[in-house]
Amino acid sequence: MSLTSADETPPGASDRRRLSRPVRTAAEWVAIVAAALIAALLVKTFLFQPFYIPSESMVPTLRINDRVLVNKLDRDPERGRIFVFKRPSATTATPMNKDLIKRVIGEPGDKVEGREGEVFVNDRPLPEPYLPEGTTTSSFGPVTLTAGQVWVMGDNRGASMDSRTFGPIEKDSIVGRAFVLFWPPGEFKTL
């Protein structure tokens, strides 16, 4: 029986070490890429998601081809904030976009009405500093919202399919709040 000292390398061992290092490095990179993909999927599914603006319904605040980031944890509608929600089934038989983006005008329990070119919430004119001066709103309502309903409207009142068309949306259809415009880069702003 022959014994080898700790300093002696068995034949072929250096070849195994040489091969194992690239294999080990490749395995580490695969693990890093897989972890990054899983993290990105979890963030998109539960935290933040980018959305593309396909129409002019939110002009001048948001324009066609703008990109916004939506906080999916913030699903509590607040008047004046911009939210993404699932397209109501009553809008079209074959919707082009499964989600819509509009501004919350009426919160659960509010009475909302359009008259004299303005929006009234609970019989008081709604201040709307985000609209261009001279914007008028078509007449609608009055509509009293239930505990689970929200009234949403686009900023481009003449070119927005919103609650005036499809009625109040259900609070549980809200995907999240749009909180930042990140594209195009020169237009970056919080919403």
N, C-alpha and C. Protein backbone atom coordinates (compact mmCIF):
# COMPACT_ATOMS: atom_id res chain seq x y z
N MET A 1 0.84 -1.17 0.00
CA MET A 1 0.00 0.00 0.00
C MET A 1 0.88 1.23 0.00
N SER A 2 0.61 2.13 -0.91
CA SER A 2 1.45 3.32 -0.96
C SER A 2 0.69 4.50 -0.39
N LEU A 3 1.36 5.31 0.31
CA LEU A 3 0.78 6.50 0.90
C LEU A 3 1.33 7.71 0.16
N THR A 4 0.50 8.71 -0.01
CA THR A 4 0.97 9.94 -0.63
C THR A 4 0.97 11.02 0.42
N SER A 5 1.93 11.89 0.33
CA SER A 5 1.96 12.99 1.29
C SER A 5 0.97 14.05 0.87
N ALA A 6 0.67 14.97 1.77
CA ALA A 6 -0.29 16.04 1.50
C ALA A 6 0.22 16.97 0.41
N ASP A 7 1.53 16.99 0.20
CA ASP A 7 2.09 17.87 -0.81
C ASP A 7 2.03 17.28 -2.21
N GLU A 8 1.81 15.99 -2.29
CA GLU A 8 1.78 15.36 -3.60
C GLU A 8 0.39 15.48 -4.20
N THR A 9 0.35 15.72 -5.47
CA THR A 9 -0.92 15.84 -6.18
C THR A 9 -1.14 14.57 -6.97
N PRO A 10 -2.28 13.91 -6.77
CA PRO A 10 -2.54 12.71 -7.54
C PRO A 10 -2.61 13.04 -9.03
N PRO A 11 -2.26 12.09 -9.89
CA PRO A 11 -2.28 12.35 -11.33
C PRO A 11 -3.70 12.77 -11.76
N GLY A 12 -3.77 13.83 -12.62
CA GLY A 12 -5.06 14.30 -13.14
C GLY A 12 -5.78 15.29 -12.25
N ALA A 13 -5.34 15.50 -11.00
CA ALA A 13 -6.05 16.39 -10.08
C ALA A 13 -5.98 17.84 -10.54
N SER A 14 -4.83 18.26 -11.07
CA SER A 14 -4.72 19.66 -11.51
C SER A 14 -5.63 19.90 -12.70
N ASP A 15 -5.81 18.88 -13.55
CA ASP A 15 -6.75 19.02 -14.67
C ASP A 15 -8.17 19.19 -14.15
N ARG A 16 -8.54 18.45 -13.10
CA ARG A 16 -9.90 18.56 -12.52
C ARG A 16 -10.10 19.95 -11.94
N ARG A 17 -9.08 20.47 -11.25
CA ARG A 17 -9.20 21.81 -10.66
C ARG A 17 -9.35 22.85 -11.76
N ARG A 18 -8.56 22.68 -12.83
CA ARG A 18 -8.62 23.63 -13.93
C ARG A 18 -10.00 23.60 -14.59
N LEU A 19 -10.60 22.48 -14.74
CA LEU A 19 -11.93 22.36 -15.33
C LEU A 19 -13.02 22.82 -14.38
N SER A 20 -12.83 22.56 -13.10
CA SER A 20 -13.90 22.89 -12.17
C SER A 20 -14.05 24.39 -11.96
N ARG A 21 -12.96 25.16 -12.11
CA ARG A 21 -13.06 26.61 -11.90
C ARG A 21 -14.00 27.27 -12.93
N PRO A 22 -13.85 27.02 -14.24
CA PRO A 22 -14.79 27.61 -15.20
C PRO A 22 -16.22 27.11 -14.99
N VAL A 23 -16.35 25.84 -14.65
CA VAL A 23 -17.69 25.30 -14.41
C VAL A 23 -18.31 25.97 -13.19
N ARG A 24 -17.51 26.14 -12.15
CA ARG A 24 -17.98 26.81 -10.94
C ARG A 24 -18.38 28.25 -11.24
N THR A 25 -17.56 28.96 -12.01
CA THR A 25 -17.85 30.34 -12.38
C THR A 25 -19.15 30.42 -13.18
N ALA A 26 -19.32 29.53 -14.14
CA ALA A 26 -20.55 29.51 -14.95
C ALA A 26 -21.77 29.23 -14.07
N ALA A 27 -21.63 28.31 -13.14
CA ALA A 27 -22.75 28.00 -12.24
C ALA A 27 -23.10 29.19 -11.37
N GLU A 28 -22.07 29.93 -10.93
CA GLU A 28 -22.33 31.13 -10.12
C GLU A 28 -23.09 32.17 -10.94
N TRP A 29 -22.67 32.37 -12.20
CA TRP A 29 -23.37 33.34 -13.06
C TRP A 29 -24.81 32.92 -13.34
N VAL A 30 -25.03 31.65 -13.57
CA VAL A 30 -26.39 31.16 -13.78
C VAL A 30 -27.25 31.41 -12.55
N ALA A 31 -26.69 31.17 -11.37
CA ALA A 31 -27.43 31.42 -10.12
C ALA A 31 -27.73 32.90 -9.94
N ILE A 32 -26.75 33.77 -10.26
CA ILE A 32 -26.96 35.22 -10.13
C ILE A 32 -28.05 35.70 -11.08
N VAL A 33 -27.99 35.26 -12.34
CA VAL A 33 -28.99 35.66 -13.33
C VAL A 33 -30.38 35.14 -12.93
N ALA A 34 -30.46 33.90 -12.48
CA ALA A 34 -31.74 33.34 -12.05
C ALA A 34 -32.30 34.11 -10.86
N ALA A 35 -31.46 34.45 -9.90
CA ALA A 35 -31.91 35.23 -8.73
C ALA A 35 -32.39 36.61 -9.16
N ALA A 36 -31.68 37.25 -10.10
CA ALA A 36 -32.09 38.57 -10.59
C ALA A 36 -33.44 38.50 -11.31
N LEU A 37 -33.63 37.46 -12.11
CA LEU A 37 -34.91 37.30 -12.82
C LEU A 37 -36.06 37.06 -11.85
N ILE A 38 -35.82 36.24 -10.86
CA ILE A 38 -36.85 35.97 -9.85
C ILE A 38 -37.17 37.24 -9.07
N ALA A 39 -36.14 38.00 -8.70
CA ALA A 39 -36.37 39.26 -7.98
C ALA A 39 -37.16 40.24 -8.84
N ALA A 40 -36.81 40.36 -10.13
CA ALA A 40 -37.53 41.27 -11.03
C ALA A 40 -38.99 40.84 -11.18
N LEU A 41 -39.23 39.55 -11.28
CA LEU A 41 -40.60 39.05 -11.40
C LEU A 41 -41.41 39.35 -10.14
N LEU A 42 -40.79 39.17 -8.98
CA LEU A 42 -41.49 39.46 -7.72
C LEU A 42 -41.79 40.95 -7.58
N VAL A 43 -40.82 41.80 -7.96
CA VAL A 43 -41.04 43.24 -7.89
C VAL A 43 -42.19 43.65 -8.80
N LYS A 44 -42.18 43.14 -10.05
CA LYS A 44 -43.23 43.50 -11.02
C LYS A 44 -44.59 42.96 -10.57
N THR A 45 -44.62 41.78 -10.01
CA THR A 45 -45.89 41.18 -9.61
C THR A 45 -46.48 41.84 -8.38
N PHE A 46 -45.64 42.19 -7.40
CA PHE A 46 -46.18 42.64 -6.12
C PHE A 46 -45.88 44.09 -5.76
N LEU A 47 -44.89 44.73 -6.35
CA LEU A 47 -44.49 46.06 -5.89
C LEU A 47 -44.69 47.16 -6.93
N PHE A 48 -43.88 47.16 -7.98
CA PHE A 48 -43.91 48.23 -8.96
C PHE A 48 -44.00 47.65 -10.36
N GLN A 49 -44.70 48.38 -11.23
CA GLN A 49 -44.82 47.92 -12.61
C GLN A 49 -44.86 49.13 -13.54
N PRO A 50 -44.10 49.08 -14.63
CA PRO A 50 -44.19 50.16 -15.60
C PRO A 50 -45.44 49.99 -16.48
N PHE A 51 -46.04 51.11 -16.87
CA PHE A 51 -47.19 51.09 -17.78
C PHE A 51 -46.96 52.10 -18.89
N TYR A 52 -47.44 51.76 -20.06
CA TYR A 52 -47.34 52.56 -21.27
C TYR A 52 -48.66 53.30 -21.46
N ILE A 53 -48.61 54.57 -21.86
CA ILE A 53 -49.81 55.36 -22.09
C ILE A 53 -50.19 55.25 -23.57
N PRO A 54 -51.32 54.59 -23.89
CA PRO A 54 -51.66 54.33 -25.29
C PRO A 54 -52.57 55.38 -25.93
N SER A 55 -53.15 56.28 -25.14
CA SER A 55 -54.11 57.23 -25.71
C SER A 55 -53.89 58.63 -25.16
N GLU A 56 -54.67 59.57 -25.68
CA GLU A 56 -54.53 60.96 -25.24
C GLU A 56 -55.52 61.33 -24.14
N SER A 57 -56.10 60.35 -23.47
CA SER A 57 -57.14 60.63 -22.48
C SER A 57 -56.64 61.38 -21.24
N MET A 58 -55.32 61.34 -20.99
CA MET A 58 -54.77 62.03 -19.81
C MET A 58 -53.94 63.27 -20.16
N VAL A 59 -54.01 63.71 -21.43
CA VAL A 59 -53.31 64.93 -21.85
C VAL A 59 -53.92 66.11 -21.10
N PRO A 60 -53.19 67.04 -20.57
CA PRO A 60 -51.77 67.29 -20.77
C PRO A 60 -50.86 66.61 -19.75
N THR A 61 -51.41 65.97 -18.73
CA THR A 61 -50.58 65.36 -17.68
C THR A 61 -49.73 64.23 -18.24
N LEU A 62 -50.34 63.36 -19.03
CA LEU A 62 -49.64 62.23 -19.65
C LEU A 62 -49.99 62.21 -21.13
N ARG A 63 -48.96 61.96 -21.96
CA ARG A 63 -49.17 61.94 -23.41
C ARG A 63 -48.99 60.52 -23.95
N ILE A 64 -49.43 60.32 -25.19
CA ILE A 64 -49.25 59.03 -25.86
C ILE A 64 -47.77 58.67 -25.85
N ASN A 65 -47.47 57.43 -25.53
CA ASN A 65 -46.13 56.84 -25.46
C ASN A 65 -45.35 57.18 -24.20
N ASP A 66 -45.93 57.97 -23.30
CA ASP A 66 -45.28 58.17 -22.00
C ASP A 66 -45.25 56.84 -21.27
N ARG A 67 -44.32 56.72 -20.31
CA ARG A 67 -44.26 55.53 -19.46
C ARG A 67 -44.31 56.00 -18.01
N VAL A 68 -45.14 55.32 -17.22
CA VAL A 68 -45.26 55.65 -15.80
C VAL A 68 -44.93 54.41 -14.98
N LEU A 69 -44.54 54.65 -13.74
CA LEU A 69 -44.29 53.57 -12.81
C LEU A 69 -45.44 53.55 -11.82
N VAL A 70 -46.00 52.37 -11.59
CA VAL A 70 -47.17 52.21 -10.73
C VAL A 70 -46.80 51.45 -9.47
N ASN A 71 -47.20 52.01 -8.33
CA ASN A 71 -46.99 51.37 -7.03
C ASN A 71 -48.19 50.46 -6.78
N LYS A 72 -47.97 49.16 -6.87
CA LYS A 72 -49.06 48.20 -6.73
C LYS A 72 -49.49 48.00 -5.27
N LEU A 73 -48.70 48.53 -4.33
CA LEU A 73 -49.09 48.45 -2.93
C LEU A 73 -50.08 49.56 -2.56
N ASP A 74 -50.09 50.64 -3.33
CA ASP A 74 -50.98 51.78 -3.08
C ASP A 74 -52.24 51.61 -3.92
N ARG A 75 -53.26 51.00 -3.35
CA ARG A 75 -54.51 50.74 -4.06
C ARG A 75 -55.68 51.44 -3.38
N ASP A 76 -55.39 52.37 -2.51
CA ASP A 76 -56.44 53.10 -1.80
C ASP A 76 -56.72 54.40 -2.55
N PRO A 77 -57.87 54.48 -3.23
CA PRO A 77 -58.14 55.65 -4.08
C PRO A 77 -58.21 56.94 -3.29
N GLU A 78 -57.52 57.95 -3.80
CA GLU A 78 -57.52 59.25 -3.17
C GLU A 78 -57.81 60.29 -4.26
N ARG A 79 -58.78 61.14 -4.02
CA ARG A 79 -59.18 62.13 -5.01
C ARG A 79 -57.97 62.93 -5.50
N GLY A 80 -57.90 63.08 -6.82
CA GLY A 80 -56.83 63.84 -7.44
C GLY A 80 -55.64 63.00 -7.86
N ARG A 81 -55.50 61.79 -7.34
CA ARG A 81 -54.38 60.91 -7.69
C ARG A 81 -54.71 60.13 -8.96
N ILE A 82 -53.68 59.69 -9.65
CA ILE A 82 -53.84 58.93 -10.89
C ILE A 82 -53.64 57.45 -10.60
N PHE A 83 -54.60 56.64 -11.05
CA PHE A 83 -54.56 55.21 -10.79
C PHE A 83 -54.71 54.40 -12.08
N VAL A 84 -54.11 53.23 -12.08
CA VAL A 84 -54.31 52.23 -13.13
C VAL A 84 -55.31 51.22 -12.58
N PHE A 85 -56.26 50.83 -13.42
CA PHE A 85 -57.27 49.85 -12.99
C PHE A 85 -57.61 48.94 -14.16
N LYS A 86 -58.18 47.80 -13.85
CA LYS A 86 -58.58 46.85 -14.88
C LYS A 86 -59.73 47.44 -15.68
N ARG A 87 -59.66 47.33 -16.99
CA ARG A 87 -60.69 47.84 -17.87
C ARG A 87 -62.04 47.22 -17.53
N PRO A 88 -63.06 48.06 -17.29
CA PRO A 88 -64.39 47.50 -17.02
C PRO A 88 -64.88 46.69 -18.21
N SER A 89 -65.53 45.59 -17.96
CA SER A 89 -65.99 44.71 -19.04
C SER A 89 -67.03 45.39 -19.92
N ALA A 90 -67.70 46.42 -19.43
CA ALA A 90 -68.73 47.12 -20.21
C ALA A 90 -68.16 48.05 -21.27
N THR A 91 -66.84 48.24 -21.33
CA THR A 91 -66.27 49.22 -22.26
C THR A 91 -66.32 48.76 -23.70
N THR A 92 -65.78 47.59 -24.02
CA THR A 92 -65.83 47.06 -25.38
C THR A 92 -65.80 45.54 -25.32
N ALA A 93 -66.25 44.93 -26.40
CA ALA A 93 -66.25 43.46 -26.45
C ALA A 93 -64.83 42.93 -26.59
N THR A 94 -63.98 43.63 -27.32
CA THR A 94 -62.59 43.19 -27.51
C THR A 94 -61.65 44.35 -27.18
N PRO A 95 -61.33 44.52 -25.91
CA PRO A 95 -60.48 45.65 -25.53
C PRO A 95 -59.06 45.52 -26.06
N MET A 96 -58.49 46.66 -26.48
CA MET A 96 -57.10 46.67 -26.94
C MET A 96 -56.16 46.62 -25.75
N ASN A 97 -56.51 47.29 -24.68
CA ASN A 97 -55.67 47.33 -23.48
C ASN A 97 -56.47 46.79 -22.30
N LYS A 98 -55.84 45.93 -21.53
CA LYS A 98 -56.56 45.34 -20.40
C LYS A 98 -56.64 46.27 -19.20
N ASP A 99 -55.80 47.33 -19.19
CA ASP A 99 -55.79 48.29 -18.09
C ASP A 99 -56.01 49.70 -18.61
N LEU A 100 -56.60 50.55 -17.78
CA LEU A 100 -56.80 51.96 -18.10
C LEU A 100 -56.13 52.80 -17.01
N ILE A 101 -55.85 54.06 -17.34
CA ILE A 101 -55.27 54.98 -16.37
C ILE A 101 -56.10 56.25 -16.37
N LYS A 102 -56.56 56.65 -15.18
CA LYS A 102 -57.39 57.84 -15.04
C LYS A 102 -57.13 58.46 -13.66
N ARG A 103 -57.72 59.64 -13.48
CA ARG A 103 -57.60 60.35 -12.21
C ARG A 103 -58.85 60.07 -11.36
N VAL A 104 -58.66 59.86 -10.06
CA VAL A 104 -59.79 59.65 -9.15
C VAL A 104 -60.46 60.99 -8.90
N ILE A 105 -61.76 61.04 -9.16
CA ILE A 105 -62.56 62.25 -8.95
C ILE A 105 -63.48 62.08 -7.75
N GLY A 106 -64.11 60.91 -7.66
CA GLY A 106 -65.03 60.63 -6.56
C GLY A 106 -64.59 59.41 -5.78
N GLU A 107 -64.55 59.55 -4.46
CA GLU A 107 -64.19 58.45 -3.58
C GLU A 107 -65.46 57.74 -3.11
N PRO A 108 -65.31 56.54 -2.53
CA PRO A 108 -66.48 55.82 -2.04
C PRO A 108 -67.35 56.70 -1.13
N GLY A 109 -68.67 56.69 -1.42
CA GLY A 109 -69.63 57.46 -0.63
C GLY A 109 -69.91 58.85 -1.16
N ASP A 110 -69.11 59.34 -2.11
CA ASP A 110 -69.32 60.68 -2.67
C ASP A 110 -70.50 60.72 -3.63
N LYS A 111 -71.06 61.91 -3.77
CA LYS A 111 -72.03 62.19 -4.84
C LYS A 111 -71.29 63.03 -5.88
N VAL A 112 -71.24 62.55 -7.12
CA VAL A 112 -70.48 63.18 -8.19
C VAL A 112 -71.44 63.62 -9.29
N GLU A 113 -71.20 64.83 -9.82
CA GLU A 113 -72.08 65.35 -10.87
C GLU A 113 -71.29 66.30 -11.76
N GLY A 114 -71.61 66.27 -13.05
CA GLY A 114 -71.06 67.25 -13.99
C GLY A 114 -72.17 68.19 -14.40
N ARG A 115 -71.98 69.49 -14.16
CA ARG A 115 -72.97 70.49 -14.57
C ARG A 115 -72.28 71.84 -14.74
N GLU A 116 -72.83 72.64 -15.60
CA GLU A 116 -72.29 73.98 -15.85
C GLU A 116 -70.81 73.94 -16.25
N GLY A 117 -70.40 72.85 -16.90
CA GLY A 117 -69.02 72.71 -17.36
C GLY A 117 -68.02 72.32 -16.29
N GLU A 118 -68.49 72.08 -15.07
CA GLU A 118 -67.61 71.73 -13.94
C GLU A 118 -68.02 70.41 -13.33
N VAL A 119 -67.11 69.87 -12.51
CA VAL A 119 -67.41 68.68 -11.72
C VAL A 119 -67.75 69.13 -10.31
N PHE A 120 -68.82 68.58 -9.78
CA PHE A 120 -69.24 68.85 -8.40
C PHE A 120 -69.14 67.55 -7.61
N VAL A 121 -68.52 67.62 -6.46
CA VAL A 121 -68.44 66.48 -5.55
C VAL A 121 -69.12 66.90 -4.26
N ASN A 122 -70.15 66.15 -3.89
CA ASN A 122 -70.95 66.46 -2.70
C ASN A 122 -71.47 67.91 -2.75
N ASP A 123 -71.96 68.29 -3.96
CA ASP A 123 -72.58 69.59 -4.23
C ASP A 123 -71.62 70.77 -4.16
N ARG A 124 -70.32 70.53 -4.16
CA ARG A 124 -69.34 71.61 -4.18
C ARG A 124 -68.47 71.48 -5.43
N PRO A 125 -68.14 72.61 -6.10
CA PRO A 125 -67.26 72.52 -7.27
C PRO A 125 -65.90 71.93 -6.87
N LEU A 126 -65.40 71.03 -7.70
CA LEU A 126 -64.12 70.38 -7.44
C LEU A 126 -62.99 71.22 -8.03
N PRO A 127 -62.06 71.70 -7.20
CA PRO A 127 -60.89 72.40 -7.76
C PRO A 127 -60.04 71.39 -8.54
N GLU A 128 -59.71 71.73 -9.78
CA GLU A 128 -58.93 70.82 -10.62
C GLU A 128 -57.74 71.57 -11.24
N PRO A 129 -56.71 71.84 -10.45
CA PRO A 129 -55.56 72.61 -10.95
C PRO A 129 -54.76 71.89 -12.03
N TYR A 130 -54.95 70.60 -12.20
CA TYR A 130 -54.23 69.81 -13.19
C TYR A 130 -54.82 69.98 -14.59
N LEU A 131 -56.00 70.59 -14.71
CA LEU A 131 -56.62 70.79 -16.02
C LEU A 131 -56.18 72.13 -16.61
N PRO A 132 -56.04 72.18 -17.95
CA PRO A 132 -55.73 73.46 -18.57
C PRO A 132 -56.88 74.45 -18.36
N GLU A 133 -56.54 75.71 -18.26
CA GLU A 133 -57.57 76.73 -18.08
C GLU A 133 -58.55 76.70 -19.24
N GLY A 134 -59.82 76.83 -18.93
CA GLY A 134 -60.85 76.82 -19.95
C GLY A 134 -61.43 75.44 -20.23
N THR A 135 -60.91 74.41 -19.59
CA THR A 135 -61.44 73.05 -19.79
C THR A 135 -62.86 72.98 -19.24
N THR A 136 -63.76 72.41 -20.03
CA THR A 136 -65.13 72.19 -19.56
C THR A 136 -65.41 70.69 -19.53
N THR A 137 -66.28 70.32 -18.62
CA THR A 137 -66.66 68.92 -18.46
C THR A 137 -68.11 68.76 -18.87
N SER A 138 -68.39 67.72 -19.65
CA SER A 138 -69.77 67.47 -20.08
C SER A 138 -70.63 67.12 -18.87
N SER A 139 -71.92 67.36 -19.00
CA SER A 139 -72.85 67.08 -17.90
C SER A 139 -73.03 65.58 -17.71
N PHE A 140 -73.17 65.16 -16.46
CA PHE A 140 -73.47 63.77 -16.11
C PHE A 140 -74.03 63.75 -14.70
N GLY A 141 -74.68 62.64 -14.37
CA GLY A 141 -75.13 62.40 -13.00
C GLY A 141 -76.32 63.24 -12.59
N PRO A 142 -76.49 63.36 -11.31
CA PRO A 142 -75.61 62.98 -10.21
C PRO A 142 -75.56 61.46 -9.99
N VAL A 143 -74.40 61.01 -9.50
CA VAL A 143 -74.18 59.60 -9.19
C VAL A 143 -73.65 59.53 -7.76
N THR A 144 -74.31 58.73 -6.93
CA THR A 144 -73.81 58.51 -5.56
C THR A 144 -73.08 57.18 -5.53
N LEU A 145 -71.84 57.22 -5.10
CA LEU A 145 -70.98 56.03 -5.11
C LEU A 145 -71.21 55.21 -3.85
N THR A 146 -71.17 53.90 -4.01
CA THR A 146 -71.28 53.00 -2.86
C THR A 146 -69.92 52.89 -2.18
N ALA A 147 -69.87 52.15 -1.10
CA ALA A 147 -68.62 51.99 -0.33
C ALA A 147 -67.50 51.38 -1.15
N GLY A 148 -67.80 50.60 -2.17
CA GLY A 148 -66.76 49.94 -2.96
C GLY A 148 -66.53 50.55 -4.32
N GLN A 149 -67.04 51.76 -4.57
CA GLN A 149 -66.95 52.36 -5.90
C GLN A 149 -66.11 53.64 -5.92
N VAL A 150 -65.53 53.90 -7.11
CA VAL A 150 -64.70 55.09 -7.34
C VAL A 150 -65.12 55.68 -8.69
N TRP A 151 -65.15 57.01 -8.78
CA TRP A 151 -65.44 57.70 -10.04
C TRP A 151 -64.11 58.20 -10.61
N VAL A 152 -63.80 57.83 -11.86
CA VAL A 152 -62.53 58.20 -12.48
C VAL A 152 -62.79 58.96 -13.78
N MET A 153 -61.90 59.91 -14.06
CA MET A 153 -62.01 60.68 -15.31
C MET A 153 -60.62 60.98 -15.84
N GLY A 154 -60.54 61.11 -17.17
CA GLY A 154 -59.30 61.53 -17.80
C GLY A 154 -59.16 63.04 -17.73
N ASP A 155 -57.93 63.52 -17.78
CA ASP A 155 -57.70 64.97 -17.77
C ASP A 155 -58.11 65.62 -19.08
N ASN A 156 -58.08 64.88 -20.15
CA ASN A 156 -58.50 65.37 -21.47
C ASN A 156 -60.00 65.10 -21.60
N ARG A 157 -60.80 65.96 -20.99
CA ARG A 157 -62.23 65.70 -20.84
C ARG A 157 -62.97 65.47 -22.15
N GLY A 158 -62.49 66.04 -23.25
CA GLY A 158 -63.17 65.85 -24.52
C GLY A 158 -62.78 64.57 -25.24
N ALA A 159 -61.76 63.86 -24.77
CA ALA A 159 -61.27 62.67 -25.47
C ALA A 159 -60.94 61.55 -24.49
N SER A 160 -61.78 61.39 -23.48
CA SER A 160 -61.52 60.35 -22.49
C SER A 160 -62.75 59.47 -22.29
N MET A 161 -62.54 58.16 -22.46
CA MET A 161 -63.57 57.21 -22.10
C MET A 161 -63.35 56.89 -20.62
N ASP A 162 -64.27 57.35 -19.78
CA ASP A 162 -64.06 57.22 -18.34
C ASP A 162 -65.39 56.90 -17.66
N SER A 163 -65.51 57.21 -16.39
CA SER A 163 -66.73 56.86 -15.64
C SER A 163 -67.99 57.50 -16.24
N ARG A 164 -67.85 58.57 -16.99
CA ARG A 164 -69.01 59.15 -17.68
C ARG A 164 -69.55 58.17 -18.71
N THR A 165 -68.69 57.30 -19.22
CA THR A 165 -69.09 56.30 -20.22
C THR A 165 -69.46 54.97 -19.58
N PHE A 166 -68.57 54.46 -18.71
CA PHE A 166 -68.77 53.11 -18.17
C PHE A 166 -69.22 53.09 -16.71
N GLY A 167 -69.44 54.25 -16.12
CA GLY A 167 -69.90 54.31 -14.74
C GLY A 167 -68.77 54.16 -13.74
N PRO A 168 -69.11 54.08 -12.46
CA PRO A 168 -68.07 53.94 -11.43
C PRO A 168 -67.31 52.62 -11.60
N ILE A 169 -66.07 52.62 -11.14
CA ILE A 169 -65.31 51.37 -11.14
C ILE A 169 -65.32 50.79 -9.73
N GLU A 170 -65.11 49.51 -9.65
CA GLU A 170 -65.02 48.86 -8.35
C GLU A 170 -63.63 49.09 -7.78
N LYS A 171 -63.59 49.37 -6.50
CA LYS A 171 -62.32 49.63 -5.82
C LYS A 171 -61.35 48.46 -5.97
N ASP A 172 -61.88 47.24 -5.99
CA ASP A 172 -60.99 46.08 -6.08
C ASP A 172 -60.43 45.86 -7.48
N SER A 173 -60.83 46.69 -8.47
CA SER A 173 -60.26 46.58 -9.81
C SER A 173 -58.99 47.44 -9.95
N ILE A 174 -58.65 48.20 -8.91
CA ILE A 174 -57.48 49.07 -8.96
C ILE A 174 -56.20 48.24 -8.90
N VAL A 175 -55.30 48.52 -9.85
CA VAL A 175 -54.01 47.84 -9.92
C VAL A 175 -53.01 48.55 -9.02
N GLY A 176 -53.02 49.88 -9.05
CA GLY A 176 -52.09 50.66 -8.24
C GLY A 176 -52.07 52.12 -8.66
N ARG A 177 -51.30 52.91 -7.92
CA ARG A 177 -51.22 54.35 -8.18
C ARG A 177 -50.00 54.69 -9.02
N ALA A 178 -50.23 55.44 -10.11
CA ALA A 178 -49.12 55.93 -10.92
C ALA A 178 -48.46 57.06 -10.13
N PHE A 179 -47.18 56.92 -9.84
CA PHE A 179 -46.54 57.91 -8.99
C PHE A 179 -45.36 58.63 -9.64
N VAL A 180 -44.89 58.12 -10.79
CA VAL A 180 -43.79 58.82 -11.46
C VAL A 180 -43.87 58.59 -12.97
N LEU A 181 -43.63 59.67 -13.71
CA LEU A 181 -43.46 59.59 -15.16
C LEU A 181 -41.96 59.45 -15.38
N PHE A 182 -41.52 58.33 -16.01
CA PHE A 182 -40.08 58.12 -16.18
C PHE A 182 -39.64 58.11 -17.64
N TRP A 183 -40.57 58.18 -18.57
CA TRP A 183 -40.21 58.21 -19.99
C TRP A 183 -41.15 59.12 -20.73
N PRO A 184 -40.67 60.00 -21.56
CA PRO A 184 -39.30 60.17 -21.99
C PRO A 184 -38.42 60.76 -20.89
N PRO A 185 -37.12 60.49 -20.95
CA PRO A 185 -36.21 60.88 -19.86
C PRO A 185 -36.25 62.36 -19.50
N GLY A 186 -36.35 63.25 -20.46
CA GLY A 186 -36.36 64.67 -20.18
C GLY A 186 -37.63 65.16 -19.51
N GLU A 187 -38.64 64.31 -19.43
CA GLU A 187 -39.94 64.68 -18.86
C GLU A 187 -40.16 64.09 -17.47
N PHE A 188 -39.14 63.51 -16.88
CA PHE A 188 -39.27 62.84 -15.57
C PHE A 188 -39.96 63.75 -14.56
N LYS A 189 -41.00 63.23 -13.89
CA LYS A 189 -41.68 63.99 -12.83
C LYS A 189 -42.51 63.05 -11.98
N THR A 190 -42.78 63.50 -10.76
CA THR A 190 -43.69 62.73 -9.90
C THR A 190 -45.10 63.15 -10.23
N LEU A 191 -46.02 62.23 -10.00
CA LEU A 191 -47.42 62.49 -10.33
C LEU A 191 -48.23 62.65 -9.05
